[in-house]
Structures are given as structure tokens and as C-alpha cells.
Amino acid sequence: MQIEVKKVREFLGHRGAVYALMWHPELGLVTGGGNGWLVNWKMDDSAEGNLLAKVENRIFTLASHSNTILAGTLVGQLIFLQKVEDKWKPRVIKAHEKGLFAIFVHPDYFLTGGGDGYLCKWNWKGEQLIRIRLGNNSIRSFQLHPSENTLAVATSEGHVHFIDHKLLAPVIPAYQNAHDPSVFCSIWNTTGDQLVSGGRDALLKIWKYPDFQPSAEIIKAHLYTINAIAVSPSQKLLATASRDRTIKIWDRSTFALLKVIDVMKHDGHVNSVNNVIWNDAGLFSASDDRKIIQWDIKNSPAGLPKSDN
């Protein structure tokens, strides 16, 4: 499989690193960053931003449901924005003692994961229902199993937990020491019998699930931390974002490396790539360089000579 990469546009305006990316069904692209700004971007040639809210601390994660947007900050605040008369009004809730890095949304409730090692369940009034401790270090990300019952919970202790999101109870024992020292992200395959994880060790690991004596296929994917993984709308490709300033595109079935998106060949990011999301509008990447970039990723036409990565 040959891949063509086209840089569509840059979104400029954040005055700090950009960490959080979200595609909102009504607003489109929404981002959050080190300046505490929550910004909605136009998807036309102007690529102008509209400030939805501003808080005092860095925004690390975003999620949404119905008329509510959720954001998590460096100091463990949950920013609870609700739309009232066409305006987004923020409410600040102290959710965790340290950073709030992960949010999972269910129609009846949502979960937050924090730097204090706690997993919390909330109703849509912003009231905390349950609070359990998974460990002593940060919960970094949630990924929902295709069965929609189980969450893979990545932690900075290097473990991947498998949690029933309704009961907040373990489904199977955690995969211990999955990455050294931290697991930052993961993605399931379409059938749910395989989990791909990325960590601070710059490795991609491919796990069979469920596996009570877990072992993984290991890919030396990047030079530094893998911050995020995204799957293409076709379900055939994966994108990984890294502190090494690159985005890499992989064949999802074979894990063959198809393309390296960098500053030299593609006018990419000049600092750590902190996040990626992928939808029908394209691949979006966010970086310490304060930029968000929209990419068009597609298969090369038949007959073109093979290009390097």
C-alpha cells in the first residue's frame, strides 16, 4: 500500500503548546492547550479560531456529549461547559488532586482519570458518583472495547487495566509493566481480540486479548515517547504521534510502516507532536510548536513509483 500525504492547512493562534484535540458534531474541530484556551476552528480557507472559554491552567484532554463539553487541566480541574442560549458557559469542578488526563463519555455518565491515580464516575449534573484508586500514578487514557463494556485504561505505572465502565470493576487482571515506564495510549482492533499500545519507551506493542499470561509483539516505532494513536475512517491505517516530532502512518493489519510525516519532507511539526485525531475531514495533529495541522492522507494512484517514507 502506497500513501500520499498533503498538508491542507495550519490552525494558528494558541499561545502555548496544544495538547487536546476533539471533533464536535456541531462545532467541528475544538482544541485545548497550554494557554488554557478552548478554541473552535472554522474549516474554511480562513482557518480562524473562536475562543469558547479560557481557564488559568493547561488543558490536556477534551470530550463532549449533547450540549456539554468537558475539559481536563494540569491541576485536576474538570471544566464543565454547557450551551445556554448559543453561548458556552464554563463551570470549574475540582475533580483530581493532580492533572486530569483522560475522559470517557457514556450517554448516562462520564469517567475521568487523574494524575492522582483515581478513576471517577460522574453524572451529567457534574456530581461525583464513584471514586476508586487504580494506582499511585497518572491515568493517561481510556479506550473502549468494541463490545462497549470494557475500557483499556493506560497508566503511568506502566500497566494497562481492563475495567467494566459501568461497575468500575476489573474484567481481567491488568497487563503489568506493559511499557517502561508509562503507557500513554492504546487502540483496539475492530474485533476486540487485539490491543495496540504506545508508551514513553517509544515502542508500539501488539497484545492478544484476553491473555492471562500477556506477551506482545514489539515494534520500535519512534525515537521518543508515543503520545497518541488514531485510526483512519477506513479502519485500515493507524497514525502515531511522537515527541520525536513525527507522525507515522502504519498498515493496521500488518503494522508495516507506510509513511513518516516530518518537517523536512512535509513541512510538519518542529516540536513534539502531542495528539492526533482522524475523521472524514482528515488527520489533525497538535504540537508543542503551538500549531494544529490538517492532513489529507490517501492511497497513491496505481502505477506511481514507490516513494520513500
Protein backbone atom coordinates (compact mmCIF):
# COMPACT_ATOMS: atom_id res chain seq x y z
CA MET A 1 0.00 0.00 0.00
CA GLN A 2 1.34 3.42 -1.02
CA ILE A 3 0.29 6.57 0.82
CA GLU A 4 0.13 10.18 -0.32
CA VAL A 5 0.29 12.97 2.26
CA LYS A 6 -0.89 16.51 1.64
CA LYS A 7 -0.74 19.33 4.15
CA VAL A 8 -4.15 21.03 3.92
CA ARG A 9 -3.85 23.93 6.38
CA GLU A 10 -2.42 25.14 9.68
CA PHE A 11 -4.52 26.46 12.52
CA LEU A 12 -2.61 29.21 14.32
CA GLY A 13 -3.47 31.25 17.39
CA HIS A 14 -2.71 29.22 20.51
CA ARG A 15 -0.08 30.92 22.65
CA GLY A 16 1.20 27.70 24.14
CA ALA A 17 1.61 24.03 23.29
CA VAL A 18 -1.53 22.29 22.01
CA TYR A 19 -2.40 19.04 23.78
CA ALA A 20 -6.10 18.33 23.28
CA LEU A 21 -8.00 17.66 20.04
CA MET A 22 -11.68 16.85 19.62
CA TRP A 23 -14.16 16.67 16.76
CA HIS A 24 -17.50 18.04 17.94
CA PRO A 25 -20.65 17.05 15.95
CA GLU A 26 -21.89 20.65 15.83
CA LEU A 27 -18.74 22.76 16.12
CA GLY A 28 -16.20 20.67 14.21
CA LEU A 29 -12.58 20.98 15.37
CA VAL A 30 -12.05 22.00 19.01
CA THR A 31 -8.63 22.29 20.64
CA GLY A 32 -7.16 22.99 24.08
CA GLY A 33 -3.65 23.93 25.07
CA GLY A 34 -1.03 25.29 27.37
CA ASN A 35 -2.51 28.77 27.35
CA GLY A 36 -5.74 27.48 28.90
CA TRP A 37 -7.70 28.37 25.78
CA LEU A 38 -10.51 26.23 24.41
CA VAL A 39 -10.80 27.11 20.72
CA ASN A 40 -13.25 26.17 17.95
CA TRP A 41 -11.86 26.44 14.40
CA LYS A 42 -13.52 27.22 11.09
CA MET A 43 -12.93 24.58 8.43
CA ASP A 44 -12.74 27.07 5.56
CA ASP A 45 -9.71 28.74 3.99
CA SER A 46 -9.56 31.34 6.76
CA ALA A 47 -8.93 28.69 9.45
CA GLU A 48 -9.95 31.27 12.05
CA GLY A 49 -10.46 30.35 15.68
CA ASN A 50 -13.30 31.22 18.04
CA LEU A 51 -12.49 31.29 21.76
CA LEU A 52 -15.06 29.16 23.61
CA ALA A 53 -13.53 29.50 27.07
CA LYS A 54 -10.34 30.47 28.86
CA VAL A 55 -9.07 28.97 32.11
CA GLU A 56 -5.97 29.54 34.20
CA ASN A 57 -4.33 26.16 33.63
CA ARG A 58 -3.19 23.98 30.75
CA ILE A 59 -5.89 21.90 29.07
CA PHE A 60 -4.84 18.29 28.42
CA THR A 61 -7.97 16.46 27.34
CA LEU A 62 -11.38 17.11 25.76
CA ALA A 63 -14.65 15.21 25.32
CA SER A 64 -18.27 16.08 24.58
CA HIS A 65 -21.82 14.79 24.80
CA SER A 66 -25.03 16.50 23.74
CA ASN A 67 -24.82 20.15 24.84
CA THR A 68 -21.85 19.62 27.17
CA ILE A 69 -18.10 19.93 26.56
CA LEU A 70 -15.67 18.52 29.13
CA ALA A 71 -12.05 19.56 29.53
CA GLY A 72 -9.35 18.41 31.95
CA THR A 73 -6.50 20.60 33.23
CA LEU A 74 -2.99 20.21 34.61
CA VAL A 75 -4.14 20.78 38.21
CA GLY A 76 -7.02 18.27 38.11
CA GLN A 77 -9.84 20.65 37.28
CA LEU A 78 -12.84 19.44 35.28
CA ILE A 79 -14.08 22.26 33.06
CA PHE A 80 -17.79 21.65 32.55
CA LEU A 81 -19.12 23.76 29.64
CA GLN A 82 -22.80 23.76 28.80
CA LYS A 83 -24.51 25.56 25.96
CA VAL A 84 -27.04 28.13 27.15
CA GLU A 85 -28.72 30.41 24.57
CA ASP A 86 -25.98 29.80 21.98
CA LYS A 87 -23.17 30.54 24.44
CA TRP A 88 -20.84 28.09 26.12
CA LYS A 89 -20.73 28.78 29.86
CA PRO A 90 -17.93 27.10 31.87
CA ARG A 91 -18.11 25.72 35.38
CA VAL A 92 -14.93 24.59 37.15
CA ILE A 93 -15.04 21.44 39.31
CA LYS A 94 -12.09 20.18 41.35
CA ALA A 95 -12.02 16.56 40.19
CA HIS A 96 -8.49 15.31 40.94
CA GLU A 97 -5.55 16.33 43.13
CA LYS A 98 -3.24 16.26 40.12
CA GLY A 99 -3.73 16.56 36.35
CA LEU A 100 -6.88 15.31 34.64
CA PHE A 101 -5.60 13.47 31.57
CA ALA A 102 -8.41 11.16 30.41
CA ILE A 103 -12.19 11.41 29.92
CA PHE A 104 -14.61 8.69 28.79
CA VAL A 105 -18.17 9.61 27.80
CA HIS A 106 -21.27 7.43 28.13
CA PRO A 107 -24.82 8.71 27.49
CA ASP A 108 -25.69 8.17 31.17
CA TYR A 109 -22.42 9.24 32.83
CA PHE A 110 -18.78 10.01 32.23
CA LEU A 111 -15.46 8.94 33.74
CA THR A 112 -12.32 10.92 34.49
CA GLY A 113 -8.80 9.65 35.11
CA GLY A 114 -6.28 11.74 37.01
CA GLY A 115 -2.67 12.18 37.94
CA ASP A 116 -3.58 11.08 41.46
CA GLY A 117 -4.33 7.54 40.21
CA TYR A 118 -8.08 7.85 40.81
CA LEU A 119 -10.82 6.82 38.41
CA CYS A 120 -14.04 8.78 38.99
CA LYS A 121 -17.58 8.34 37.72
CA TRP A 122 -19.85 11.40 37.32
CA ASN A 123 -23.44 12.12 36.32
CA TRP A 124 -24.26 14.80 33.77
CA LYS A 125 -25.05 17.29 36.53
CA GLY A 126 -21.35 17.23 37.39
CA GLU A 127 -21.87 15.22 40.59
CA GLN A 128 -19.32 12.54 41.51
CA LEU A 129 -20.88 9.09 41.93
CA ILE A 130 -17.97 6.68 42.50
CA ARG A 131 -14.24 7.09 43.10
CA ILE A 132 -11.73 4.24 43.01
CA ARG A 133 -7.95 4.20 43.03
CA LEU A 134 -6.13 2.22 40.35
CA GLY A 135 -2.62 3.12 41.48
CA ASN A 136 -0.27 5.84 42.65
CA ASN A 137 0.49 7.40 39.27
CA SER A 138 -1.42 9.02 36.43
CA ILE A 139 -4.24 7.52 34.41
CA ARG A 140 -3.32 8.56 30.88
CA SER A 141 -6.05 7.33 28.52
CA PHE A 142 -9.22 5.29 28.06
CA GLN A 143 -10.08 3.11 25.05
CA LEU A 144 -13.47 1.44 24.68
CA HIS A 145 -13.55 -2.22 23.60
CA PRO A 146 -15.76 -2.97 20.55
CA SER A 147 -18.12 -4.84 22.88
CA GLU A 148 -18.70 -1.45 24.56
CA ASN A 149 -18.42 -2.97 28.04
CA THR A 150 -14.70 -2.78 28.77
CA LEU A 151 -12.23 0.09 28.91
CA ALA A 152 -8.50 -0.31 28.42
CA VAL A 153 -7.02 2.11 30.95
CA ALA A 154 -3.40 3.14 30.34
CA THR A 155 -1.35 4.33 33.33
CA SER A 156 1.97 5.94 34.12
CA GLU A 157 2.83 2.95 36.31
CA GLY A 158 3.33 1.09 33.05
CA HIS A 159 0.18 -1.04 33.35
CA VAL A 160 -2.93 -1.49 31.21
CA HIS A 161 -6.07 -2.15 33.25
CA PHE A 162 -9.28 -3.61 31.85
CA ILE A 163 -12.28 -2.10 33.60
CA ASP A 164 -16.05 -2.55 33.34
CA HIS A 165 -17.02 1.11 32.92
CA LYS A 166 -20.47 0.59 34.45
CA LEU A 167 -19.26 -1.07 37.64
CA LEU A 168 -15.68 0.28 37.75
CA ALA A 169 -14.58 -3.30 38.40
CA PRO A 170 -11.72 -5.24 36.76
CA VAL A 171 -12.70 -7.53 33.88
CA ILE A 172 -9.39 -9.42 33.77
CA PRO A 173 -6.08 -8.82 35.58
CA ALA A 174 -4.09 -5.83 34.40
CA TYR A 175 -1.25 -6.28 31.93
CA GLN A 176 1.62 -5.41 34.26
CA ASN A 177 4.68 -3.50 33.06
CA ALA A 178 3.27 -3.18 29.56
CA HIS A 179 5.62 -0.25 28.88
CA ASP A 180 8.61 1.19 30.72
CA PRO A 181 7.85 3.42 32.50
CA SER A 182 4.46 4.69 31.19
CA VAL A 183 1.65 3.64 28.87
CA PHE A 184 0.27 6.74 27.16
CA CYS A 185 -2.24 5.45 24.61
CA SER A 186 -3.91 2.42 23.05
CA ILE A 187 -6.32 1.36 20.32
CA TRP A 188 -8.38 -1.82 19.80
CA ASN A 189 -8.73 -3.68 16.53
CA THR A 190 -12.23 -4.00 15.09
CA THR A 191 -12.89 -7.44 16.58
CA GLY A 192 -11.52 -6.61 20.04
CA ASP A 193 -9.08 -9.53 20.21
CA GLN A 194 -6.04 -7.28 19.84
CA LEU A 195 -4.88 -4.14 21.64
CA VAL A 196 -2.12 -1.87 20.34
CA SER A 197 -0.41 0.30 22.97
CA GLY A 198 2.20 3.05 22.89
CA GLY A 199 4.37 4.42 25.66
CA ARG A 200 7.21 6.53 26.89
CA ASP A 201 9.62 3.79 25.77
CA ALA A 202 8.81 4.76 22.12
CA LEU A 203 7.52 1.24 21.43
CA LEU A 204 4.32 0.01 19.87
CA LYS A 205 3.16 -3.25 21.44
CA ILE A 206 0.54 -5.58 20.00
CA TRP A 207 -1.31 -7.64 22.61
CA LYS A 208 -3.70 -10.55 22.26
CA TYR A 209 -6.87 -10.05 24.30
CA PRO A 210 -7.79 -11.55 26.63
CA ASP A 211 -4.43 -13.05 27.54
CA PHE A 212 -3.85 -14.12 31.14
CA GLN A 213 -0.11 -14.56 30.51
CA PRO A 214 0.32 -11.47 28.36
CA SER A 215 3.11 -11.16 25.86
CA ALA A 216 3.35 -8.71 22.99
CA GLU A 217 4.79 -8.26 19.55
CA ILE A 218 7.12 -5.26 19.85
CA ILE A 219 7.79 -2.59 17.22
CA LYS A 220 10.49 0.03 17.68
CA ALA A 221 8.21 2.70 16.33
CA HIS A 222 9.70 6.08 17.31
CA LEU A 223 12.76 7.66 18.87
CA TYR A 224 10.88 9.13 21.84
CA THR A 225 7.52 8.90 23.62
CA ILE A 226 4.44 7.84 21.64
CA ASN A 227 1.82 10.33 22.78
CA ALA A 228 -1.25 9.24 20.82
CA ILE A 229 -2.66 6.69 18.36
CA ALA A 230 -5.52 7.28 15.92
CA VAL A 231 -7.27 5.01 13.44
CA SER A 232 -8.35 6.10 9.95
CA PRO A 233 -12.04 6.27 8.95
CA SER A 234 -11.44 3.29 6.66
CA GLN A 235 -10.14 1.33 9.68
CA LYS A 236 -7.14 0.27 7.56
CA LEU A 237 -4.49 2.70 8.83
CA LEU A 238 -3.04 3.82 12.14
CA ALA A 239 -1.33 7.12 12.91
CA THR A 240 1.10 7.52 15.81
CA ALA A 241 2.21 10.87 17.23
CA SER A 242 5.54 11.22 19.00
CA ARG A 243 7.77 13.50 20.97
CA ASP A 244 10.34 12.86 18.21
CA ARG A 245 8.36 15.43 16.13
CA THR A 246 6.99 12.91 13.64
CA ILE A 247 3.69 11.32 12.74
CA LYS A 248 3.91 7.80 11.37
CA ILE A 249 1.29 6.03 9.27
CA TRP A 250 1.02 2.25 9.63
CA ASP A 251 -0.87 -0.52 7.90
CA ARG A 252 -3.31 -1.60 10.61
CA SER A 253 -3.33 -5.28 9.66
CA THR A 254 0.40 -5.87 9.04
CA PHE A 255 1.91 -2.94 11.02
CA ALA A 256 4.11 -2.11 8.06
CA LEU A 257 5.36 1.46 8.20
CA LEU A 258 3.88 3.34 5.23
CA LYS A 259 4.85 6.97 5.76
CA VAL A 260 6.80 9.25 8.07
CA ILE A 261 5.39 12.78 8.23
CA ASP A 262 8.08 15.22 9.35
CA VAL A 263 9.24 18.79 8.98
CA MET A 264 11.78 18.12 6.22
CA LYS A 265 9.58 16.27 3.73
CA HIS A 266 6.12 17.50 4.59
CA ASP A 267 6.55 20.83 6.42
CA GLY A 268 5.35 19.14 9.58
CA HIS A 269 5.81 19.99 13.23
CA VAL A 270 9.07 21.31 14.63
CA ASN A 271 8.40 20.14 18.20
CA SER A 272 6.72 17.23 19.96
CA VAL A 273 3.51 16.00 18.33
CA ASN A 274 1.19 15.68 21.31
CA ASN A 275 -2.02 14.37 19.79
CA VAL A 276 -3.72 13.13 16.62
CA ILE A 277 -7.36 12.53 15.69
CA TRP A 278 -8.65 11.15 12.39
CA ASN A 279 -12.05 11.52 10.77
CA ASP A 280 -13.61 12.13 7.36
CA ALA A 281 -12.29 15.72 7.36
CA GLY A 282 -8.70 14.47 7.63
CA LEU A 283 -5.94 13.73 10.09
CA PHE A 284 -5.39 16.51 12.63
CA SER A 285 -2.20 16.85 14.68
CA ALA A 286 -1.34 19.10 17.64
CA SER A 287 2.11 20.06 18.82
CA ASP A 288 4.33 21.90 21.25
CA ASP A 289 5.03 24.27 18.34
CA ARG A 290 1.55 25.81 19.01
CA LYS A 291 0.20 24.60 15.68
CA ILE A 292 -2.62 22.31 14.67
CA ILE A 293 -2.17 20.85 11.18
CA GLN A 294 -4.82 19.23 8.99
CA TRP A 295 -3.51 16.48 6.70
CA ASP A 296 -5.08 14.70 3.75
CA ILE A 297 -3.96 11.05 3.78
CA LYS A 298 -4.92 8.83 0.87
CA ASN A 299 -3.75 5.87 -1.17
CA SER A 300 -1.42 6.65 -4.08
CA PRO A 301 -2.88 6.11 -7.55
CA ALA A 302 -1.90 2.77 -9.09
CA GLY A 303 1.24 2.87 -11.19
CA LEU A 304 3.11 5.55 -9.31
CA PRO A 305 6.66 4.61 -8.35
CA LYS A 306 7.23 3.61 -4.75
CA SER A 307 8.26 6.56 -2.60
CA ASP A 308 10.40 6.54 0.49
CA ASN A 309 8.88 7.26 3.86
